[in-house]
C-alpha atoms as a PDB file:
ATOM      1  CA  MET A   1     -28.863  48.253  39.696  1.00  0.00           C
ATOM      2  CA  ALA A   2     -25.403  49.336  38.563  1.00  0.00           C
ATOM      3  CA  PRO A   3     -25.301  51.696  35.578  1.00  0.00           C
ATOM      4  CA  PRO A   4     -24.445  50.223  32.171  1.00  0.00           C
ATOM      5  CA  ILE A   5     -20.847  50.626  30.999  1.00  0.00           C
ATOM      6  CA  ALA A   6     -19.698  52.062  27.666  1.00  0.00           C
ATOM      7  CA  ILE A   7     -16.395  52.720  25.936  1.00  0.00           C
ATOM      8  CA  VAL A   8     -16.046  55.560  23.429  1.00  0.00           C
ATOM      9  CA  THR A   9     -12.801  55.723  21.459  1.00  0.00           C
ATOM     10  CA  GLY A  10     -11.897  59.160  20.180  1.00  0.00           C
ATOM     11  CA  GLY A  11     -14.169  60.451  22.919  1.00  0.00           C
ATOM     12  CA  SER A  12     -12.268  63.595  23.883  1.00  0.00           C
ATOM     13  CA  SER A  13     -13.411  65.836  21.043  1.00  0.00           C
ATOM     14  CA  GLY A  14     -15.880  66.278  18.221  1.00  0.00           C
ATOM     15  CA  ILE A  15     -18.592  63.680  17.742  1.00  0.00           C
ATOM     16  CA  GLY A  16     -17.006  61.430  20.349  1.00  0.00           C
ATOM     17  CA  ALA A  17     -17.163  64.065  23.097  1.00  0.00           C
ATOM     18  CA  ALA A  18     -20.778  64.894  22.257  1.00  0.00           C
ATOM     19  CA  PHE A  19     -21.659  61.218  22.406  1.00  0.00           C
ATOM     20  CA  VAL A  20     -19.935  60.759  25.772  1.00  0.00           C
ATOM     21  CA  ALA A  21     -22.015  63.620  27.193  1.00  0.00           C
ATOM     22  CA  HIS A  22     -25.147  62.067  25.689  1.00  0.00           C
ATOM     23  CA  LEU A  23     -24.447  58.686  27.283  1.00  0.00           C
ATOM     24  CA  VAL A  24     -23.809  60.296  30.669  1.00  0.00           C
ATOM     25  CA  SER A  25     -27.123  62.149  30.402  1.00  0.00           C
ATOM     26  CA  LEU A  26     -28.821  58.756  29.950  1.00  0.00           C
ATOM     27  CA  GLY A  27     -27.242  57.337  33.089  1.00  0.00           C
ATOM     28  CA  TRP A  28     -24.292  55.474  31.585  1.00  0.00           C
ATOM     29  CA  ASN A  29     -20.779  55.263  33.010  1.00  0.00           C
ATOM     30  CA  VAL A  30     -18.330  55.870  30.177  1.00  0.00           C
ATOM     31  CA  VAL A  31     -14.650  55.187  29.532  1.00  0.00           C
ATOM     32  CA  VAL A  32     -13.155  57.843  27.252  1.00  0.00           C
ATOM     33  CA  ALA A  33     -10.297  56.328  25.225  1.00  0.00           C
ATOM     34  CA  ASP A  34      -8.258  58.904  23.325  1.00  0.00           C
ATOM     35  CA  ILE A  35      -4.706  60.150  22.805  1.00  0.00           C
ATOM     36  CA  HIS A  36      -5.808  63.522  24.210  1.00  0.00           C
ATOM     37  CA  GLN A  37      -7.488  64.244  27.516  1.00  0.00           C
ATOM     38  CA  PRO A  38     -11.023  65.631  27.288  1.00  0.00           C
ATOM     39  CA  LYS A  39     -11.302  69.363  27.915  1.00  0.00           C
ATOM     40  CA  HIS A  40     -14.038  68.785  30.461  1.00  0.00           C
ATOM     41  CA  ALA A  41     -14.123  65.688  32.663  1.00  0.00           C
ATOM     42  CA  LEU A  42     -17.701  64.599  33.279  1.00  0.00           C
ATOM     43  CA  SER A  43     -18.995  62.777  36.326  1.00  0.00           C
ATOM     44  CA  GLY A  44     -19.344  59.073  35.616  1.00  0.00           C
ATOM     45  CA  THR A  45     -16.456  58.984  33.132  1.00  0.00           C
ATOM     46  CA  LEU A  46     -12.923  57.616  33.205  1.00  0.00           C
ATOM     47  CA  TYR A  47     -10.249  58.810  30.779  1.00  0.00           C
ATOM     48  CA  ILE A  48      -7.657  56.277  29.613  1.00  0.00           C
ATOM     49  CA  HIS A  49      -4.894  57.393  27.262  1.00  0.00           C
ATOM     50  CA  THR A  50      -5.154  55.086  24.250  1.00  0.00           C
ATOM     51  CA  ASP A  51      -3.648  54.949  20.785  1.00  0.00           C
ATOM     52  CA  VAL A  52      -6.143  52.672  19.059  1.00  0.00           C
ATOM     53  CA  SER A  53      -3.592  51.610  16.442  1.00  0.00           C
ATOM     54  CA  SER A  54      -1.726  49.806  19.241  1.00  0.00           C
ATOM     55  CA  TRP A  55      -3.119  46.395  20.153  1.00  0.00           C
ATOM     56  CA  GLU A  56      -1.345  46.499  23.513  1.00  0.00           C
ATOM     57  CA  GLN A  57      -2.797  49.889  24.468  1.00  0.00           C
ATOM     58  CA  GLN A  58      -6.309  48.927  23.421  1.00  0.00           C
ATOM     59  CA  ALA A  59      -6.118  45.590  25.211  1.00  0.00           C
ATOM     60  CA  ASP A  60      -4.982  47.316  28.393  1.00  0.00           C
ATOM     61  CA  MET A  61      -7.708  49.953  28.080  1.00  0.00           C
ATOM     62  CA  PHE A  62     -10.482  47.371  27.649  1.00  0.00           C
ATOM     63  CA  LYS A  63      -9.271  45.417  30.694  1.00  0.00           C
ATOM     64  CA  GLN A  64      -9.201  48.602  32.784  1.00  0.00           C
ATOM     65  CA  ALA A  65     -12.664  49.569  31.542  1.00  0.00           C
ATOM     66  CA  TYR A  66     -14.078  46.129  32.328  1.00  0.00           C
ATOM     67  CA  ASP A  67     -12.689  46.178  35.858  1.00  0.00           C
ATOM     68  CA  TRP A  68     -13.727  49.814  36.448  1.00  0.00           C
ATOM     69  CA  GLY A  69     -17.259  48.929  35.404  1.00  0.00           C
ATOM     70  CA  GLY A  70     -17.498  46.102  37.918  1.00  0.00           C
ATOM     71  CA  GLN A  71     -16.719  43.408  35.343  1.00  0.00           C
ATOM     72  CA  ARG A  72     -19.267  44.361  32.733  1.00  0.00           C
ATOM     73  CA  LEU A  73     -19.225  46.027  29.324  1.00  0.00           C
ATOM     74  CA  ASP A  74     -22.474  46.796  27.551  1.00  0.00           C
ATOM     75  CA  PHE A  75     -21.694  49.148  24.692  1.00  0.00           C
ATOM     76  CA  CYS A  76     -18.740  50.304  22.628  1.00  0.00           C
ATOM     77  CA  ALA A  77     -18.568  53.224  20.195  1.00  0.00           C
ATOM     78  CA  LEU A  78     -15.518  52.785  17.972  1.00  0.00           C
ATOM     79  CA  ASN A  79     -15.281  56.396  16.937  1.00  0.00           C
ATOM     80  CA  ALA A  80     -11.547  57.188  16.769  1.00  0.00           C
ATOM     81  CA  GLY A  81     -10.333  58.187  13.323  1.00  0.00           C
ATOM     82  CA  ILE A  82      -7.887  60.404  11.453  1.00  0.00           C
ATOM     83  CA  ASP A  83      -7.809  61.856   7.953  1.00  0.00           C
ATOM     84  CA  ASP A  84      -5.308  61.389   5.101  1.00  0.00           C
ATOM     85  CA  ARG A  85      -1.586  61.240   5.801  1.00  0.00           C
ATOM     86  CA  ASP A  86      -0.373  60.639   2.255  1.00  0.00           C
ATOM     87  CA  ASP A  87      -1.125  61.600  -1.327  1.00  0.00           C
ATOM     88  CA  ILE A  88      -0.480  59.873  -4.643  1.00  0.00           C
ATOM     89  CA  PHE A  89      -1.089  62.076  -7.652  1.00  0.00           C
ATOM     90  CA  ASN A  90      -0.316  65.460  -6.096  1.00  0.00           C
ATOM     91  CA  THR A  91       3.182  64.263  -5.194  1.00  0.00           C
ATOM     92  CA  LEU A  92       4.277  62.763  -8.528  1.00  0.00           C
ATOM     93  CA  SER A  93       7.888  63.750  -9.287  1.00  0.00           C
ATOM     94  CA  HIS A  94       7.942  62.812 -13.016  1.00  0.00           C
ATOM     95  CA  ASP A  95      11.609  62.043 -12.416  1.00  0.00           C
ATOM     96  CA  LEU A  96      13.098  58.590 -12.976  1.00  0.00           C
ATOM     97  CA  HIS A  97      15.731  59.299 -10.330  1.00  0.00           C
ATOM     98  CA  LYS A  98      13.205  60.308  -7.666  1.00  0.00           C
ATOM     99  CA  PRO A  99      11.052  57.269  -6.952  1.00  0.00           C
ATOM    100  CA  PRO A 100       8.257  57.701  -4.420  1.00  0.00           C
ATOM    101  CA  LYS A 101       9.010  57.301  -0.739  1.00  0.00           C
ATOM    102  CA  LYS A 102       7.235  54.768   1.415  1.00  0.00           C
ATOM    103  CA  PRO A 103       3.753  56.206   2.037  1.00  0.00           C
ATOM    104  CA  ASN A 104       2.362  57.089   5.438  1.00  0.00           C
ATOM    105  CA  THR A 105      -0.478  54.650   6.067  1.00  0.00           C
ATOM    106  CA  ASP A 106      -1.339  55.734   9.605  1.00  0.00           C
ATOM    107  CA  THR A 107      -4.895  56.432   8.434  1.00  0.00           C
ATOM    108  CA  PHE A 108      -5.416  52.730   7.790  1.00  0.00           C
ATOM    109  CA  ALA A 109      -3.679  51.755  11.042  1.00  0.00           C
ATOM    110  CA  VAL A 110      -6.029  53.945  13.083  1.00  0.00           C
ATOM    111  CA  ASN A 111      -9.272  53.769  11.123  1.00  0.00           C
ATOM    112  CA  ILE A 112      -9.238  50.142   9.965  1.00  0.00           C
ATOM    113  CA  THR A 113      -6.811  48.140  12.101  1.00  0.00           C
ATOM    114  CA  GLY A 114      -7.644  50.077  15.260  1.00  0.00           C
ATOM    115  CA  THR A 115     -11.352  49.534  14.705  1.00  0.00           C
ATOM    116  CA  TYR A 116     -10.846  45.821  14.065  1.00  0.00           C
ATOM    117  CA  TYR A 117      -8.901  45.585  17.316  1.00  0.00           C
ATOM    118  CA  GLY A 118     -11.774  47.328  19.080  1.00  0.00           C
ATOM    119  CA  VAL A 119     -14.413  44.953  17.717  1.00  0.00           C
ATOM    120  CA  LYS A 120     -12.387  41.903  18.755  1.00  0.00           C
ATOM    121  CA  LEU A 121     -11.780  43.213  22.273  1.00  0.00           C
ATOM    122  CA  ALA A 122     -15.332  44.485  22.748  1.00  0.00           C
ATOM    123  CA  ALA A 123     -16.796  41.135  21.699  1.00  0.00           C
ATOM    124  CA  HIS A 124     -14.539  39.355  24.187  1.00  0.00           C
ATOM    125  CA  TYR A 125     -15.453  41.457  27.198  1.00  0.00           C
ATOM    126  CA  MET A 126     -19.133  41.778  26.311  1.00  0.00           C
ATOM    127  CA  THR A 127     -19.582  38.017  26.215  1.00  0.00           C
ATOM    128  CA  LEU A 128     -17.797  37.166  29.479  1.00  0.00           C
ATOM    129  CA  PRO A 129     -20.166  35.821  32.147  1.00  0.00           C
ATOM    130  CA  GLY A 130     -19.310  38.694  34.482  1.00  0.00           C
ATOM    131  CA  ASP A 131     -20.638  39.206  37.985  1.00  0.00           C
ATOM    132  CA  PRO A 132     -24.428  38.721  38.380  1.00  0.00           C
ATOM    133  CA  GLY A 133     -24.340  41.438  41.012  1.00  0.00           C
ATOM    134  CA  THR A 134     -23.701  44.079  38.341  1.00  0.00           C
ATOM    135  CA  GLY A 135     -27.292  43.808  37.145  1.00  0.00           C
ATOM    136  CA  LYS A 136     -26.400  42.775  33.594  1.00  0.00           C
ATOM    137  CA  SER A 137     -29.020  40.170  32.732  1.00  0.00           C
ATOM    138  CA  LYS A 138     -27.077  38.192  30.115  1.00  0.00           C
ATOM    139  CA  PRO A 139     -23.802  38.269  28.162  1.00  0.00           C
ATOM    140  CA  GLY A 140     -23.662  40.386  25.008  1.00  0.00           C
ATOM    141  CA  GLY A 141     -23.670  44.009  23.997  1.00  0.00           C
ATOM    142  CA  LYS A 142     -23.812  46.493  21.164  1.00  0.00           C
ATOM    143  CA  ILE A 143     -21.102  48.081  19.025  1.00  0.00           C
ATOM    144  CA  ILE A 144     -21.447  51.124  16.804  1.00  0.00           C
ATOM    145  CA  ILE A 145     -18.622  51.972  14.424  1.00  0.00           C
ATOM    146  CA  THR A 146     -18.426  55.582  13.306  1.00  0.00           C
ATOM    147  CA  GLY A 147     -18.325  55.516   9.526  1.00  0.00           C
ATOM    148  CA  SER A 148     -18.757  58.560   7.310  1.00  0.00           C
ATOM    149  CA  GLY A 149     -20.546  59.915   4.298  1.00  0.00           C
ATOM    150  CA  ALA A 150     -17.157  59.320   2.664  1.00  0.00           C
ATOM    151  CA  GLY A 151     -17.772  55.623   3.194  1.00  0.00           C
ATOM    152  CA  LEU A 152     -20.937  55.857   1.116  1.00  0.00           C
ATOM    153  CA  PHE A 153     -19.860  58.309  -1.575  1.00  0.00           C
ATOM    154  CA  PRO A 154     -16.328  58.822  -2.939  1.00  0.00           C
ATOM    155  CA  SER A 155     -14.272  61.839  -1.929  1.00  0.00           C
ATOM    156  CA  SER A 156     -11.312  62.018  -4.294  1.00  0.00           C
ATOM    157  CA  SER A 157      -9.415  64.555  -2.188  1.00  0.00           C
ATOM    158  CA  THR A 158      -9.324  62.178   0.807  1.00  0.00           C
ATOM    159  CA  PRO A 159      -8.660  58.738  -0.741  1.00  0.00           C
ATOM    160  CA  GLN A 160      -7.140  57.179   2.377  1.00  0.00           C
ATOM    161  CA  TYR A 161      -9.982  58.348   4.603  1.00  0.00           C
ATOM    162  CA  THR A 162     -12.571  57.320   2.017  1.00  0.00           C
ATOM    163  CA  THR A 163     -10.988  53.879   1.638  1.00  0.00           C
ATOM    164  CA  SER A 164     -10.951  53.354   5.386  1.00  0.00           C
ATOM    165  CA  LYS A 165     -14.596  54.315   5.833  1.00  0.00           C
ATOM    166  CA  HIS A 166     -15.683  52.042   2.972  1.00  0.00           C
ATOM    167  CA  ALA A 167     -13.759  49.248   4.702  1.00  0.00           C
ATOM    168  CA  LEU A 168     -15.638  49.807   7.956  1.00  0.00           C
ATOM    169  CA  ILE A 169     -18.986  49.393   6.223  1.00  0.00           C
ATOM    170  CA  GLY A 170     -17.681  46.141   4.743  1.00  0.00           C
ATOM    171  CA  LEU A 171     -16.598  44.960   8.175  1.00  0.00           C
ATOM    172  CA  VAL A 172     -20.021  45.672   9.673  1.00  0.00           C
ATOM    173  CA  ARG A 173     -21.857  43.963   6.818  1.00  0.00           C
ATOM    174  CA  ALA A 174     -19.603  40.910   7.050  1.00  0.00           C
ATOM    175  CA  LEU A 175     -19.797  40.516  10.826  1.00  0.00           C
ATOM    176  CA  GLY A 176     -23.070  42.081  11.867  1.00  0.00           C
ATOM    177  CA  LYS A 177     -25.469  39.486  10.493  1.00  0.00           C
ATOM    178  CA  SER A 178     -23.165  36.511  10.994  1.00  0.00           C
ATOM    179  CA  ASP A 179     -24.565  33.566  12.926  1.00  0.00           C
ATOM    180  CA  ALA A 180     -21.643  33.781  15.359  1.00  0.00           C
ATOM    181  CA  ALA A 181     -22.239  37.444  16.244  1.00  0.00           C
ATOM    182  CA  LEU A 182     -25.986  37.009  16.636  1.00  0.00           C
ATOM    183  CA  ALA A 183     -25.549  33.860  18.731  1.00  0.00           C
ATOM    184  CA  ALA A 184     -23.186  35.798  20.998  1.00  0.00           C
ATOM    185  CA  HIS A 185     -25.799  38.582  21.306  1.00  0.00           C
ATOM    186  CA  VAL A 186     -23.332  41.173  19.982  1.00  0.00           C
ATOM    187  CA  ARG A 187     -25.039  43.585  17.591  1.00  0.00           C
ATOM    188  CA  ILE A 188     -22.712  45.580  15.339  1.00  0.00           C
ATOM    189  CA  ASN A 189     -23.770  48.534  13.175  1.00  0.00           C
ATOM    190  CA  THR A 190     -22.212  51.608  11.601  1.00  0.00           C
ATOM    191  CA  LEU A 191     -23.338  55.228  11.741  1.00  0.00           C
ATOM    192  CA  CYS A 192     -22.240  57.459   8.852  1.00  0.00           C
ATOM    193  CA  PRO A 193     -22.495  61.174   9.670  1.00  0.00           C
ATOM    194  CA  ALA A 194     -22.391  63.644   6.805  1.00  0.00           C
ATOM    195  CA  ILE A 195     -20.678  67.029   7.267  1.00  0.00           C
ATOM    196  CA  VAL A 196     -20.894  67.927  10.959  1.00  0.00           C
ATOM    197  CA  ASP A 197     -19.719  71.251  12.353  1.00  0.00           C
ATOM    198  CA  THR A 198     -18.286  70.285  15.727  1.00  0.00           C
ATOM    199  CA  GLY A 199     -16.438  73.578  16.124  1.00  0.00           C
ATOM    200  CA  GLU A 200     -13.113  71.733  16.009  1.00  0.00           C
ATOM    201  CA  GLY A 201     -10.811  71.202  13.063  1.00  0.00           C
ATOM    202  CA  MET A 202     -13.061  72.853  10.471  1.00  0.00           C
ATOM    203  CA  PRO A 203     -10.872  74.377   7.721  1.00  0.00           C
ATOM    204  CA  VAL A 204     -11.067  78.164   7.605  1.00  0.00           C
ATOM    205  CA  GLY A 205     -13.726  79.360   5.191  1.00  0.00           C
ATOM    206  CA  LEU A 206     -15.287  75.935   4.667  1.00  0.00           C
ATOM    207  CA  LEU A 207     -18.633  76.829   6.212  1.00  0.00           C
ATOM    208  CA  GLU A 208     -18.969  79.731   3.802  1.00  0.00           C
ATOM    209  CA  LYS A 209     -18.559  77.348   0.841  1.00  0.00           C
ATOM    210  CA  LEU A 210     -21.437  75.130   1.882  1.00  0.00           C
ATOM    211  CA  LEU A 211     -24.970  75.674   0.693  1.00  0.00           C
ATOM    212  CA  PRO A 212     -27.770  76.204   3.215  1.00  0.00           C
ATOM    213  CA  GLY A 213     -28.937  72.943   4.695  1.00  0.00           C
ATOM    214  CA  GLN A 214     -25.722  71.002   4.064  1.00  0.00           C
ATOM    215  CA  ILE A 215     -24.531  70.957   7.682  1.00  0.00           C
ATOM    216  CA  THR A 216     -25.689  68.072   9.841  1.00  0.00           C
ATOM    217  CA  PRO A 217     -26.509  69.110  13.420  1.00  0.00           C
ATOM    218  CA  MET A 218     -25.080  67.042  16.245  1.00  0.00           C
ATOM    219  CA  SER A 219     -28.628  66.257  17.362  1.00  0.00           C
ATOM    220  CA  THR A 220     -29.143  64.185  14.198  1.00  0.00           C
ATOM    221  CA  VAL A 221     -25.942  62.240  14.842  1.00  0.00           C
ATOM    222  CA  LEU A 222     -26.965  61.498  18.432  1.00  0.00           C
ATOM    223  CA  ARG A 223     -30.396  60.429  17.227  1.00  0.00           C
ATOM    224  CA  GLY A 224     -28.610  58.000  14.913  1.00  0.00           C
ATOM    225  CA  PHE A 225     -26.742  56.436  17.828  1.00  0.00           C
ATOM    226  CA  ASP A 226     -30.021  56.063  19.729  1.00  0.00           C
ATOM    227  CA  THR A 227     -31.754  54.528  16.701  1.00  0.00           C
ATOM    228  CA  LEU A 228     -29.057  51.891  16.278  1.00  0.00           C
ATOM    229  CA  ALA A 229     -28.580  50.977  19.939  1.00  0.00           C
ATOM    230  CA  ASP A 230     -31.665  52.070  21.943  1.00  0.00           C
ATOM    231  CA  LEU A 231     -29.309  53.499  24.543  1.00  0.00           C
ATOM    232  CA  ALA A 232     -32.093  54.539  26.898  1.00  0.00           C
ATOM    233  CA  GLY A 233     -33.395  50.967  27.016  1.00  0.00           C
ATOM    234  CA  ALA A 234     -30.209  49.227  28.117  1.00  0.00           C
ATOM    235  CA  GLY A 235     -31.834  48.065  31.345  1.00  0.00           C
ATOM    236  CA  ALA A 236     -34.289  45.796  29.529  1.00  0.00           C
ATOM    237  CA  GLU A 237     -33.646  42.071  29.872  1.00  0.00           C
ATOM    238  CA  ASP A 238     -33.730  41.503  26.105  1.00  0.00           C
ATOM    239  CA  TRP A 239     -31.719  44.622  25.173  1.00  0.00           C
ATOM    240  CA  VAL A 240     -28.768  42.658  23.756  1.00  0.00           C
ATOM    241  CA  GLU A 241     -31.107  40.567  21.593  1.00  0.00           C
ATOM    242  CA  ARG A 242     -33.047  43.288  19.821  1.00  0.00           C
ATOM    243  CA  GLY A 243     -32.352  46.097  17.400  1.00  0.00           C
ATOM    244  CA  PRO A 244     -30.665  46.258  14.002  1.00  0.00           C
ATOM    245  CA  ALA A 245     -27.548  44.223  13.225  1.00  0.00           C
ATOM    246  CA  GLY A 246     -25.104  44.597  10.348  1.00  0.00           C
ATOM    247  CA  GLU A 247     -26.767  47.799   9.157  1.00  0.00           C
ATOM    248  CA  THR A 248     -25.482  51.146   7.913  1.00  0.00           C
ATOM    249  CA  LEU A 249     -27.295  54.334   8.912  1.00  0.00           C
ATOM    250  CA  GLU A 250     -26.454  57.730   7.432  1.00  0.00           C
ATOM    251  CA  ALA A 251     -27.046  60.874   9.498  1.00  0.00           C
ATOM    252  CA  LYS A 252     -27.515  63.640   6.945  1.00  0.00           C
ATOM    253  CA  VAL A 253     -28.786  67.100   7.918  1.00  0.00           C
ATOM    254  CA  ASN A 254     -32.089  66.277   9.683  1.00  0.00           C
ATOM    255  CA  ASP A 255     -32.574  62.803   8.217  1.00  0.00           C
ATOM    256  CA  LEU A 256     -31.528  59.284   9.119  1.00  0.00           C
ATOM    257  CA  ILE A 257     -31.139  57.187   5.961  1.00  0.00           C
ATOM    258  CA  TRP A 258     -30.694  53.404   5.886  1.00  0.00           C
ATOM    259  CA  HIS A 259     -28.196  52.024   3.345  1.00  0.00           C
ATOM    260  CA  TYR A 260     -28.887  48.319   3.027  1.00  0.00           C
ATOM    261  CA  SER A 261     -26.457  45.769   1.626  1.00  0.00           C
ATOM    262  CA  PRO A 262     -26.839  45.351  -2.153  1.00  0.00           C
ATOM    263  CA  GLU A 263     -28.450  42.140  -3.323  1.00  0.00           C
ATOM    264  CA  ARG A 264     -26.516  39.758  -5.523  1.00  0.00           C
ATOM    265  CA  PRO A 265     -27.653  39.772  -9.183  1.00  0.00           C
ATOM    266  CA  LYS A 266     -29.890  36.827 -10.041  1.00  0.00           C
ATOM    267  CA  GLY A 267     -29.580  34.724 -13.175  1.00  0.00           C
ATOM    268  CA  GLY A 268     -25.932  35.573 -13.809  1.00  0.00           C
ATOM    269  CA  LYS A 269     -26.785  38.240 -16.390  1.00  0.00           C
ATOM    270  CA  GLY A 270     -26.219  41.230 -14.152  1.00  0.00           C
ATOM    271  CA  LYS A 271     -29.754  42.520 -14.741  1.00  0.00           C
ATOM    272  CA  SER A 272     -31.286  44.972 -12.325  1.00  0.00           C
ATOM    273  CA  SER A 273     -34.839  44.616 -11.037  1.00  0.00           C
ATOM    274  CA  SER A 274     -35.910  47.160 -13.653  1.00  0.00           C
ATOM    275  CA  GLY A 275     -34.539  45.023 -16.484  1.00  0.00           C
ATOM    276  CA  GLU A 276     -31.519  47.238 -17.158  1.00  0.00           C
ATOM    277  CA  SER A 277     -28.167  45.622 -17.645  1.00  0.00           C
ATOM    278  CA  GLY A 278     -25.692  45.962 -14.797  1.00  0.00           C
ATOM    279  CA  ALA A 279     -23.748  48.599 -16.717  1.00  0.00           C
ATOM    280  CA  GLN A 280     -26.877  50.606 -17.499  1.00  0.00           C
ATOM    281  CA  ALA A 281     -28.103  50.467 -13.921  1.00  0.00           C
ATOM    282  CA  THR A 282     -24.687  51.483 -12.628  1.00  0.00           C
ATOM    283  CA  SER A 283     -24.518  54.369 -15.079  1.00  0.00           C
ATOM    284  CA  ALA A 284     -27.924  55.633 -14.000  1.00  0.00           C
ATOM    285  CA  ALA A 285     -27.044  55.322 -10.333  1.00  0.00           C
ATOM    286  CA  THR A 286     -23.769  57.156 -10.880  1.00  0.00           C
ATOM    287  CA  ALA A 287     -25.532  59.980 -12.684  1.00  0.00           C
ATOM    288  CA  ALA A 288     -28.044  60.311  -9.855  1.00  0.00           C
ATOM    289  CA  THR A 289     -25.310  60.368  -7.244  1.00  0.00           C
ATOM    290  CA  THR A 290     -23.288  62.921  -9.171  1.00  0.00           C
ATOM    291  CA  THR A 291     -26.110  65.438  -9.204  1.00  0.00           C
ATOM    292  CA  THR A 292     -26.960  65.116  -5.503  1.00  0.00           C
ATOM    293  CA  ASP A 293     -23.691  64.092  -3.871  1.00  0.00           C
ATOM    294  CA  PRO A 294     -22.867  66.464  -0.981  1.00  0.00           C
ATOM    295  CA  TYR A 295     -19.398  64.951  -0.645  1.00  0.00           C
ATOM    296  CA  LYS A 296     -17.951  66.446  -3.804  1.00  0.00           C
ATOM    297  CA  ASP A 297     -14.318  67.582  -3.837  1.00  0.00           C
ATOM    298  CA  GLY A 298     -15.159  71.198  -3.229  1.00  0.00           C
ATOM    299  CA  PHE A 299     -15.944  70.376   0.384  1.00  0.00           C
ATOM    300  CA  HIS A 300     -12.603  68.676   0.961  1.00  0.00           C
ATOM    301  CA  GLN A 301      -9.994  70.985  -0.466  1.00  0.00           C
ATOM    302  CA  GLY A 302      -8.744  71.598   3.075  1.00  0.00           C
ATOM    303  CA  ALA A 303      -7.853  67.938   3.373  1.00  0.00           C
ATOM    304  CA  ALA A 304      -5.967  68.084   0.077  1.00  0.00           C
ATOM    305  CA  ARG A 305      -3.768  70.773   1.655  1.00  0.00           C
ATOM    306  CA  GLY A 306      -3.070  68.495   4.583  1.00  0.00           C
ATOM    307  CA  GLU A 307      -5.402  70.207   7.032  1.00  0.00           C
ATOM    308  CA  HIS A 308      -7.016  67.990   9.633  1.00  0.00           C
ATOM    309  CA  THR A 309     -10.672  67.585   8.806  1.00  0.00           C
ATOM    310  CA  HIS A 310     -11.638  64.376  10.581  1.00  0.00           C
ATOM    311  CA  PHE A 311     -13.159  66.163  13.574  1.00  0.00           C
ATOM    312  CA  TRP A 312     -15.945  67.643  11.481  1.00  0.00           C
ATOM    313  CA  TYR A 313     -16.211  64.970   8.821  1.00  0.00           C
ATOM    314  CA  GLU A 314     -16.521  61.716  10.689  1.00  0.00           C
END
């Protein structure tokens, strides 16, 4: 039977590169889509230069990947992302004659629009009938979007990045459990790594600022991918029909933590299950988060200076 086929965007470095190596170790053939070539080309991989913010480049990459894989696509990790490219309050001029310039919104183009493009293209190619000779039992596949701890907890020094990662969780929750996605046997989830030291892009001195036990090892992140997609079980006939869908999984230090969609308040009064008003419950939740939040500004001062932090903080 032919090996299953995966695409990993942003697969040349950081979490993406580690995930490509993990997939290869499990017997997958992998297309690495990135604007940079990987430092080490692995057997069973194909590099395709791709700017994910370009629909044309992504569309061409997916077609090449589908053909290279013998007209099948089983899995897609939409991992490409960049950090902030603009600031609001640190660039105020306080001068009537110096209005702000048009902001750089490349972060949204890559992280949000590029990911949306990827979901649309992946769903198309995963659900094509394909060639029965490839060994793929039925149309469908699995998609994991790389979110971030910044998509779960606010990081005021990286507002663009934080906004984009919140948006990705919203996209997964909106699509993942939809009747259309489930009927197509396309399961979409998001993995939110906390602070990961990939050895690339880490601001100088940042590690020294972190408390013991605040770094998430790559092994936890890879375990998160496996938990969401059962990558070792892709040969099973019902693989595309089982596993979580529309879920958000945080990879934090040695733990995998599920973050389920909030339930709508019942009765119209905004009461929580404990009987607190909505405002009281929110206040309590905010206080709890404030005391335990590992994504406080102190860990992101490098980003505020314009340093590239997305490699370690996906």
